[in-house]
C-alpha atoms as a PDB file:
ATOM      1  CA  MET A   1     -38.019 -44.155 -84.455  1.00  0.00           C
ATOM      2  CA  ARG A   2     -38.077 -40.509 -82.932  1.00  0.00           C
ATOM      3  CA  LYS A   3     -35.712 -37.652 -84.987  1.00  0.00           C
ATOM      4  CA  ALA A   4     -34.090 -35.311 -82.694  1.00  0.00           C
ATOM      5  CA  TYR A   5     -32.362 -31.828 -83.852  1.00  0.00           C
ATOM      6  CA  GLN A   6     -29.133 -31.122 -82.246  1.00  0.00           C
ATOM      7  CA  TYR A   7     -28.143 -27.601 -82.082  1.00  0.00           C
ATOM      8  CA  GLY A   8     -24.704 -27.983 -80.865  1.00  0.00           C
ATOM      9  CA  LEU A   9     -22.791 -29.372 -77.422  1.00  0.00           C
ATOM     10  CA  HIS A  10     -23.530 -25.705 -75.832  1.00  0.00           C
ATOM     11  CA  ARG A  11     -27.755 -26.285 -76.448  1.00  0.00           C
ATOM     12  CA  ALA A  12     -30.211 -29.002 -75.802  1.00  0.00           C
ATOM     13  CA  MET A  13     -31.833 -31.277 -78.100  1.00  0.00           C
ATOM     14  CA  THR A  14     -35.419 -30.617 -78.476  1.00  0.00           C
ATOM     15  CA  HIS A  15     -38.231 -33.504 -79.560  1.00  0.00           C
ATOM     16  CA  PRO A  16     -40.008 -32.250 -82.578  1.00  0.00           C
ATOM     17  CA  HIS A  17     -43.404 -32.367 -81.448  1.00  0.00           C
ATOM     18  CA  ASP A  18     -43.432 -30.925 -77.687  1.00  0.00           C
ATOM     19  CA  GLN A  19     -41.909 -27.268 -77.575  1.00  0.00           C
ATOM     20  CA  HIS A  20     -41.815 -27.989 -73.447  1.00  0.00           C
ATOM     21  CA  VAL A  21     -39.502 -31.156 -73.558  1.00  0.00           C
ATOM     22  CA  THR A  22     -35.806 -30.950 -74.020  1.00  0.00           C
ATOM     23  CA  LEU A  23     -33.185 -33.459 -73.825  1.00  0.00           C
ATOM     24  CA  ASP A  24     -30.799 -33.080 -70.478  1.00  0.00           C
ATOM     25  CA  LYS A  25     -27.108 -33.695 -70.455  1.00  0.00           C
ATOM     26  CA  ALA A  26     -26.837 -33.616 -74.215  1.00  0.00           C
ATOM     27  CA  ALA A  27     -23.381 -32.736 -74.108  1.00  0.00           C
ATOM     28  CA  ARG A  28     -22.724 -36.312 -73.058  1.00  0.00           C
ATOM     29  CA  ASP A  29     -25.108 -37.728 -75.434  1.00  0.00           C
ATOM     30  CA  CYS A  30     -27.437 -39.041 -72.723  1.00  0.00           C
ATOM     31  CA  ASN A  31     -31.309 -39.247 -73.847  1.00  0.00           C
ATOM     32  CA  THR A  32     -33.229 -38.662 -70.725  1.00  0.00           C
ATOM     33  CA  LEU A  33     -36.521 -36.263 -70.978  1.00  0.00           C
ATOM     34  CA  ALA A  34     -36.920 -33.436 -68.854  1.00  0.00           C
ATOM     35  CA  LYS A  35     -39.725 -30.976 -68.713  1.00  0.00           C
ATOM     36  CA  ILE A  36     -38.744 -27.295 -68.683  1.00  0.00           C
ATOM     37  CA  LYS A  37     -40.638 -25.478 -65.863  1.00  0.00           C
ATOM     38  CA  LYS A  38     -41.192 -21.672 -66.733  1.00  0.00           C
ATOM     39  CA  GLU A  39     -41.544 -19.951 -63.513  1.00  0.00           C
ATOM     40  CA  GLU A  40     -43.009 -16.120 -62.896  1.00  0.00           C
ATOM     41  CA  THR A  41     -41.087 -13.994 -60.475  1.00  0.00           C
ATOM     42  CA  MET A  42     -43.172 -12.526 -58.239  1.00  0.00           C
ATOM     43  CA  THR A  43     -43.057  -8.678 -57.349  1.00  0.00           C
ATOM     44  CA  ILE A  44     -43.585  -8.142 -53.604  1.00  0.00           C
ATOM     45  CA  ASN A  45     -43.113  -4.103 -52.099  1.00  0.00           C
ATOM     46  CA  ARG A  46     -42.307  -3.937 -48.685  1.00  0.00           C
ATOM     47  CA  ARG A  47     -45.975  -2.445 -48.115  1.00  0.00           C
ATOM     48  CA  ASP A  48     -47.621  -5.716 -49.371  1.00  0.00           C
ATOM     49  CA  LEU A  49     -45.324  -7.454 -47.390  1.00  0.00           C
ATOM     50  CA  ALA A  50     -45.674  -5.660 -44.155  1.00  0.00           C
ATOM     51  CA  LEU A  51     -49.384  -5.853 -44.609  1.00  0.00           C
ATOM     52  CA  SER A  52     -49.569  -9.712 -44.898  1.00  0.00           C
ATOM     53  CA  ALA A  53     -47.061  -9.961 -42.145  1.00  0.00           C
ATOM     54  CA  LEU A  54     -49.814  -7.818 -40.085  1.00  0.00           C
ATOM     55  CA  ALA A  55     -52.712  -9.959 -41.218  1.00  0.00           C
ATOM     56  CA  VAL A  56     -51.045 -13.272 -40.304  1.00  0.00           C
ATOM     57  CA  SER A  57     -49.931 -12.288 -36.943  1.00  0.00           C
ATOM     58  CA  ALA A  58     -53.441 -10.834 -36.378  1.00  0.00           C
ATOM     59  CA  LEU A  59     -54.903 -13.694 -37.132  1.00  0.00           C
ATOM     60  CA  ALA A  60     -52.804 -16.207 -35.206  1.00  0.00           C
ATOM     61  CA  PHE A  61     -52.886 -13.891 -31.989  1.00  0.00           C
ATOM     62  CA  ALA A  62     -55.992 -11.973 -31.883  1.00  0.00           C
ATOM     63  CA  THR A  63     -58.412 -15.091 -32.071  1.00  0.00           C
ATOM     64  CA  PRO A  64     -57.700 -16.449 -28.343  1.00  0.00           C
ATOM     65  CA  GLY A  65     -56.887 -13.050 -27.110  1.00  0.00           C
ATOM     66  CA  LEU A  66     -60.680 -11.622 -28.056  1.00  0.00           C
ATOM     67  CA  ALA A  67     -62.173 -14.500 -26.302  1.00  0.00           C
ATOM     68  CA  ALA A  68     -60.372 -13.535 -23.052  1.00  0.00           C
ATOM     69  CA  SER A  69     -60.457 -10.239 -23.576  1.00  0.00           C
ATOM     70  CA  ALA A  70     -64.126 -10.319 -23.748  1.00  0.00           C
ATOM     71  CA  ASP A  71     -64.408 -11.907 -20.663  1.00  0.00           C
ATOM     72  CA  GLU A  72     -61.987  -9.419 -19.199  1.00  0.00           C
ATOM     73  CA  GLU A  73     -63.918  -6.591 -20.493  1.00  0.00           C
ATOM     74  CA  ALA A  74     -67.284  -8.177 -18.745  1.00  0.00           C
ATOM     75  CA  VAL A  75     -65.686  -8.742 -15.285  1.00  0.00           C
ATOM     76  CA  ALA A  76     -64.547  -4.994 -15.382  1.00  0.00           C
ATOM     77  CA  LYS A  77     -68.128  -4.036 -15.710  1.00  0.00           C
ATOM     78  CA  LYS A  78     -68.959  -6.262 -12.847  1.00  0.00           C
ATOM     79  CA  VAL A  79     -66.175  -4.957 -10.667  1.00  0.00           C
ATOM     80  CA  GLU A  80     -67.230  -1.193 -11.494  1.00  0.00           C
ATOM     81  CA  ALA A  81     -70.852  -2.387 -11.042  1.00  0.00           C
ATOM     82  CA  PHE A  82     -69.960  -3.486  -7.929  1.00  0.00           C
ATOM     83  CA  ARG A  83     -68.235  -0.400  -6.805  1.00  0.00           C
ATOM     84  CA  LEU A  84     -70.814   1.584  -7.301  1.00  0.00           C
ATOM     85  CA  ALA A  85     -73.289  -0.299  -5.428  1.00  0.00           C
ATOM     86  CA  GLN A  86     -71.146  -0.198  -2.576  1.00  0.00           C
ATOM     87  CA  ILE A  87     -70.887   4.014  -2.777  1.00  0.00           C
ATOM     88  CA  ALA A  88     -74.729   3.592  -3.325  1.00  0.00           C
ATOM     89  CA  ALA A  89     -75.531   0.849  -0.284  1.00  0.00           C
ATOM     90  CA  ASP A  90     -77.489  -0.607  -2.999  1.00  0.00           C
ATOM     91  CA  PRO A  91     -78.587  -4.141  -1.366  1.00  0.00           C
ATOM     92  CA  LYS A  92     -80.261  -5.120  -4.616  1.00  0.00           C
ATOM     93  CA  ALA A  93     -77.634  -4.055  -6.909  1.00  0.00           C
ATOM     94  CA  LEU A  94     -75.275  -5.886  -4.237  1.00  0.00           C
ATOM     95  CA  GLY A  95     -77.106  -9.047  -4.154  1.00  0.00           C
ATOM     96  CA  ALA A  96     -77.635  -9.666  -8.150  1.00  0.00           C
ATOM     97  CA  LEU A  97     -73.385  -9.079  -7.935  1.00  0.00           C
ATOM     98  CA  CYS A  98     -73.143 -11.918  -5.383  1.00  0.00           C
ATOM     99  CA  ALA A  99     -72.729 -15.498  -5.709  1.00  0.00           C
ATOM    100  CA  GLU A 100     -74.845 -17.340  -3.470  1.00  0.00           C
ATOM    101  CA  GLU A 101     -71.784 -18.765  -1.785  1.00  0.00           C
ATOM    102  CA  LEU A 102     -69.875 -15.404  -0.859  1.00  0.00           C
ATOM    103  CA  SER A 103     -67.016 -15.192   1.385  1.00  0.00           C
ATOM    104  CA  TYR A 104     -66.549 -11.730   1.954  1.00  0.00           C
ATOM    105  CA  SER A 105     -63.420 -11.015   4.188  1.00  0.00           C
ATOM    106  CA  HIS A 106     -62.666  -7.515   5.803  1.00  0.00           C
ATOM    107  CA  SER A 107     -58.987  -6.428   6.661  1.00  0.00           C
ATOM    108  CA  SER A 108     -59.652  -6.697  10.626  1.00  0.00           C
ATOM    109  CA  GLY A 109     -60.393 -10.994   9.329  1.00  0.00           C
ATOM    110  CA  LYS A 110     -64.273 -10.511   9.787  1.00  0.00           C
ATOM    111  CA  VAL A 111     -65.670 -12.892   7.302  1.00  0.00           C
ATOM    112  CA  GLU A 112     -69.241 -12.867   5.989  1.00  0.00           C
ATOM    113  CA  ASP A 113     -71.880 -14.620   4.042  1.00  0.00           C
ATOM    114  CA  LYS A 114     -73.891 -12.893   1.181  1.00  0.00           C
ATOM    115  CA  ALA A 115     -76.496 -12.464   3.807  1.00  0.00           C
ATOM    116  CA  THR A 116     -74.810 -10.873   5.912  1.00  0.00           C
ATOM    117  CA  PHE A 117     -72.185  -8.946   3.813  1.00  0.00           C
ATOM    118  CA  ILE A 118     -75.099  -7.135   2.388  1.00  0.00           C
ATOM    119  CA  ALA A 119     -76.997  -6.254   5.448  1.00  0.00           C
ATOM    120  CA  ASN A 120     -73.962  -4.713   6.787  1.00  0.00           C
ATOM    121  CA  ALA A 121     -73.056  -2.854   3.688  1.00  0.00           C
ATOM    122  CA  THR A 122     -76.632  -1.031   3.546  1.00  0.00           C
ATOM    123  CA  ASP A 123     -77.438  -1.019   7.426  1.00  0.00           C
ATOM    124  CA  GLY A 124     -76.530   3.004   7.371  1.00  0.00           C
ATOM    125  CA  LYS A 125     -74.303   2.979  10.182  1.00  0.00           C
ATOM    126  CA  SER A 126     -71.615   4.763   7.232  1.00  0.00           C
ATOM    127  CA  LYS A 127     -71.852   6.068   4.185  1.00  0.00           C
ATOM    128  CA  PHE A 128     -69.345   5.886   1.579  1.00  0.00           C
ATOM    129  CA  LEU A 129     -68.138   9.588   0.182  1.00  0.00           C
ATOM    130  CA  SER A 130     -65.533   7.872  -2.023  1.00  0.00           C
ATOM    131  CA  ILE A 131     -64.473   4.327  -3.174  1.00  0.00           C
ATOM    132  CA  GLU A 132     -61.260   3.935  -5.702  1.00  0.00           C
ATOM    133  CA  TYR A 133     -60.569   0.882  -7.089  1.00  0.00           C
ATOM    134  CA  LYS A 134     -56.842   1.924  -8.387  1.00  0.00           C
ATOM    135  CA  ASP A 135     -54.197  -0.336 -10.761  1.00  0.00           C
ATOM    136  CA  PRO A 136     -56.763  -2.890 -10.960  1.00  0.00           C
ATOM    137  CA  THR A 137     -55.647  -6.049 -12.748  1.00  0.00           C
ATOM    138  CA  ILE A 138     -58.240  -8.975 -14.196  1.00  0.00           C
ATOM    139  CA  LYS A 139     -57.015 -12.493 -14.991  1.00  0.00           C
ATOM    140  CA  VAL A 140     -59.687 -14.872 -16.108  1.00  0.00           C
ATOM    141  CA  VAL A 141     -59.037 -18.375 -16.348  1.00  0.00           C
ATOM    142  CA  GLY A 142     -61.594 -20.297 -17.339  1.00  0.00           C
ATOM    143  CA  PRO A 143     -64.789 -19.899 -15.563  1.00  0.00           C
ATOM    144  CA  ALA A 144     -62.779 -17.989 -12.803  1.00  0.00           C
ATOM    145  CA  ALA A 145     -61.425 -14.100 -12.565  1.00  0.00           C
ATOM    146  CA  ILE A 146     -58.838 -13.192 -10.396  1.00  0.00           C
ATOM    147  CA  VAL A 147     -59.171  -9.487  -9.457  1.00  0.00           C
ATOM    148  CA  ARG A 148     -56.434  -7.351  -7.738  1.00  0.00           C
ATOM    149  CA  PHE A 149     -56.376  -3.851  -6.973  1.00  0.00           C
ATOM    150  CA  HIS A 150     -55.532  -1.015  -4.375  1.00  0.00           C
ATOM    151  CA  TRP A 151     -58.759   0.264  -2.836  1.00  0.00           C
ATOM    152  CA  LEU A 152     -58.657   3.633  -1.325  1.00  0.00           C
ATOM    153  CA  GLY A 153     -62.027   4.817   0.577  1.00  0.00           C
ATOM    154  CA  GLU A 154     -63.505   6.898   2.444  1.00  0.00           C
ATOM    155  CA  GLN A 155     -66.805   6.815   4.514  1.00  0.00           C
ATOM    156  CA  GLU A 156     -68.125   8.856   7.213  1.00  0.00           C
ATOM    157  CA  MET A 157     -70.281   7.432  10.113  1.00  0.00           C
ATOM    158  CA  ALA A 158     -73.468   8.189  11.116  1.00  0.00           C
ATOM    159  CA  ALA A 159     -73.279   8.654  14.666  1.00  0.00           C
ATOM    160  CA  ASP A 160     -70.941  11.302  14.828  1.00  0.00           C
ATOM    161  CA  GLY A 161     -69.828  12.358  11.399  1.00  0.00           C
ATOM    162  CA  LYS A 162     -66.236  11.091  11.662  1.00  0.00           C
ATOM    163  CA  LYS A 163     -64.420  10.575   8.426  1.00  0.00           C
ATOM    164  CA  VAL A 164     -62.493   7.425   7.843  1.00  0.00           C
ATOM    165  CA  SER A 165     -59.869   6.672   5.409  1.00  0.00           C
ATOM    166  CA  THR A 166     -59.308   3.323   4.258  1.00  0.00           C
ATOM    167  CA  ASN A 167     -55.883   2.047   2.314  1.00  0.00           C
ATOM    168  CA  LEU A 168     -56.175  -1.634   1.582  1.00  0.00           C
ATOM    169  CA  HIS A 169     -54.885  -4.053  -1.088  1.00  0.00           C
ATOM    170  CA  ILE A 170     -58.385  -5.947  -2.285  1.00  0.00           C
ATOM    171  CA  LEU A 171     -58.300  -9.948  -4.051  1.00  0.00           C
ATOM    172  CA  MET A 172     -61.601 -10.684  -5.685  1.00  0.00           C
ATOM    173  CA  ASN A 173     -62.852 -14.095  -7.401  1.00  0.00           C
ATOM    174  CA  TRP A 174     -65.238 -13.867  -9.716  1.00  0.00           C
ATOM    175  CA  GLN A 175     -67.046 -17.260 -11.341  1.00  0.00           C
ATOM    176  CA  LYS A 176     -68.807 -17.185 -14.138  1.00  0.00           C
ATOM    177  CA  GLN A 177     -72.090 -18.825 -13.530  1.00  0.00           C
ATOM    178  CA  GLY A 178     -74.164 -19.474 -16.363  1.00  0.00           C
ATOM    179  CA  ASP A 179     -73.761 -16.318 -18.304  1.00  0.00           C
ATOM    180  CA  GLU A 180     -73.053 -14.309 -15.268  1.00  0.00           C
ATOM    181  CA  TRP A 181     -69.731 -13.184 -13.817  1.00  0.00           C
ATOM    182  CA  LYS A 182     -70.754 -13.198  -9.956  1.00  0.00           C
ATOM    183  CA  LEU A 183     -68.501 -12.327  -6.944  1.00  0.00           C
ATOM    184  CA  LEU A 184     -67.515 -15.621  -5.005  1.00  0.00           C
ATOM    185  CA  SER A 185     -64.824 -13.968  -2.713  1.00  0.00           C
ATOM    186  CA  ARG A 186     -62.835 -11.041  -1.564  1.00  0.00           C
ATOM    187  CA  ALA A 187     -60.098 -10.438   0.953  1.00  0.00           C
ATOM    188  CA  ALA A 188     -58.845  -7.726   1.954  1.00  0.00           C
ATOM    189  CA  THR A 189     -55.247  -6.382   3.676  1.00  0.00           C
ATOM    190  CA  LYS A 190     -54.312  -3.257   5.542  1.00  0.00           C
ATOM    191  CA  LEU A 191     -51.556  -1.184   3.551  1.00  0.00           C
END
């Protein structure tokens, strides 16, 4: 039989061979062994806490957002390239930006396919002096992107030199085809 040493009712009894084992409930003559767990306190200052919270939130929110923002950025570049191609009346650039299935709707209600749109946009009957896309929004949904903006444009007619201003609301739908974003449809509403 093992010998236990008692130091008094206010202190626990200790097993002679194990420094980390005590008898609990010694005051009530209970012989149940319990291990003493020594815990170290961790000191955290506000800066460490803020940095760790920032790191966790960055990981939680940045990962899905990175893919969306990369696609949104790619679409934004295509939209700007399209605006510049319209100003320059560049058929090659417009053709590269548009999907074969393009449906291009004007504010007058006239609808054009890709070939007709490019032919009419580059026929020289008018020249854009300026096109501004104000307040653009881009929302990527899977392989599609919905783009909206306020169009302010001014063009000069070749026949008589008359300047015409346009104030439109534009809705564009871009589709990811392979690795490229292509303009699939466009609709305009007069403001």
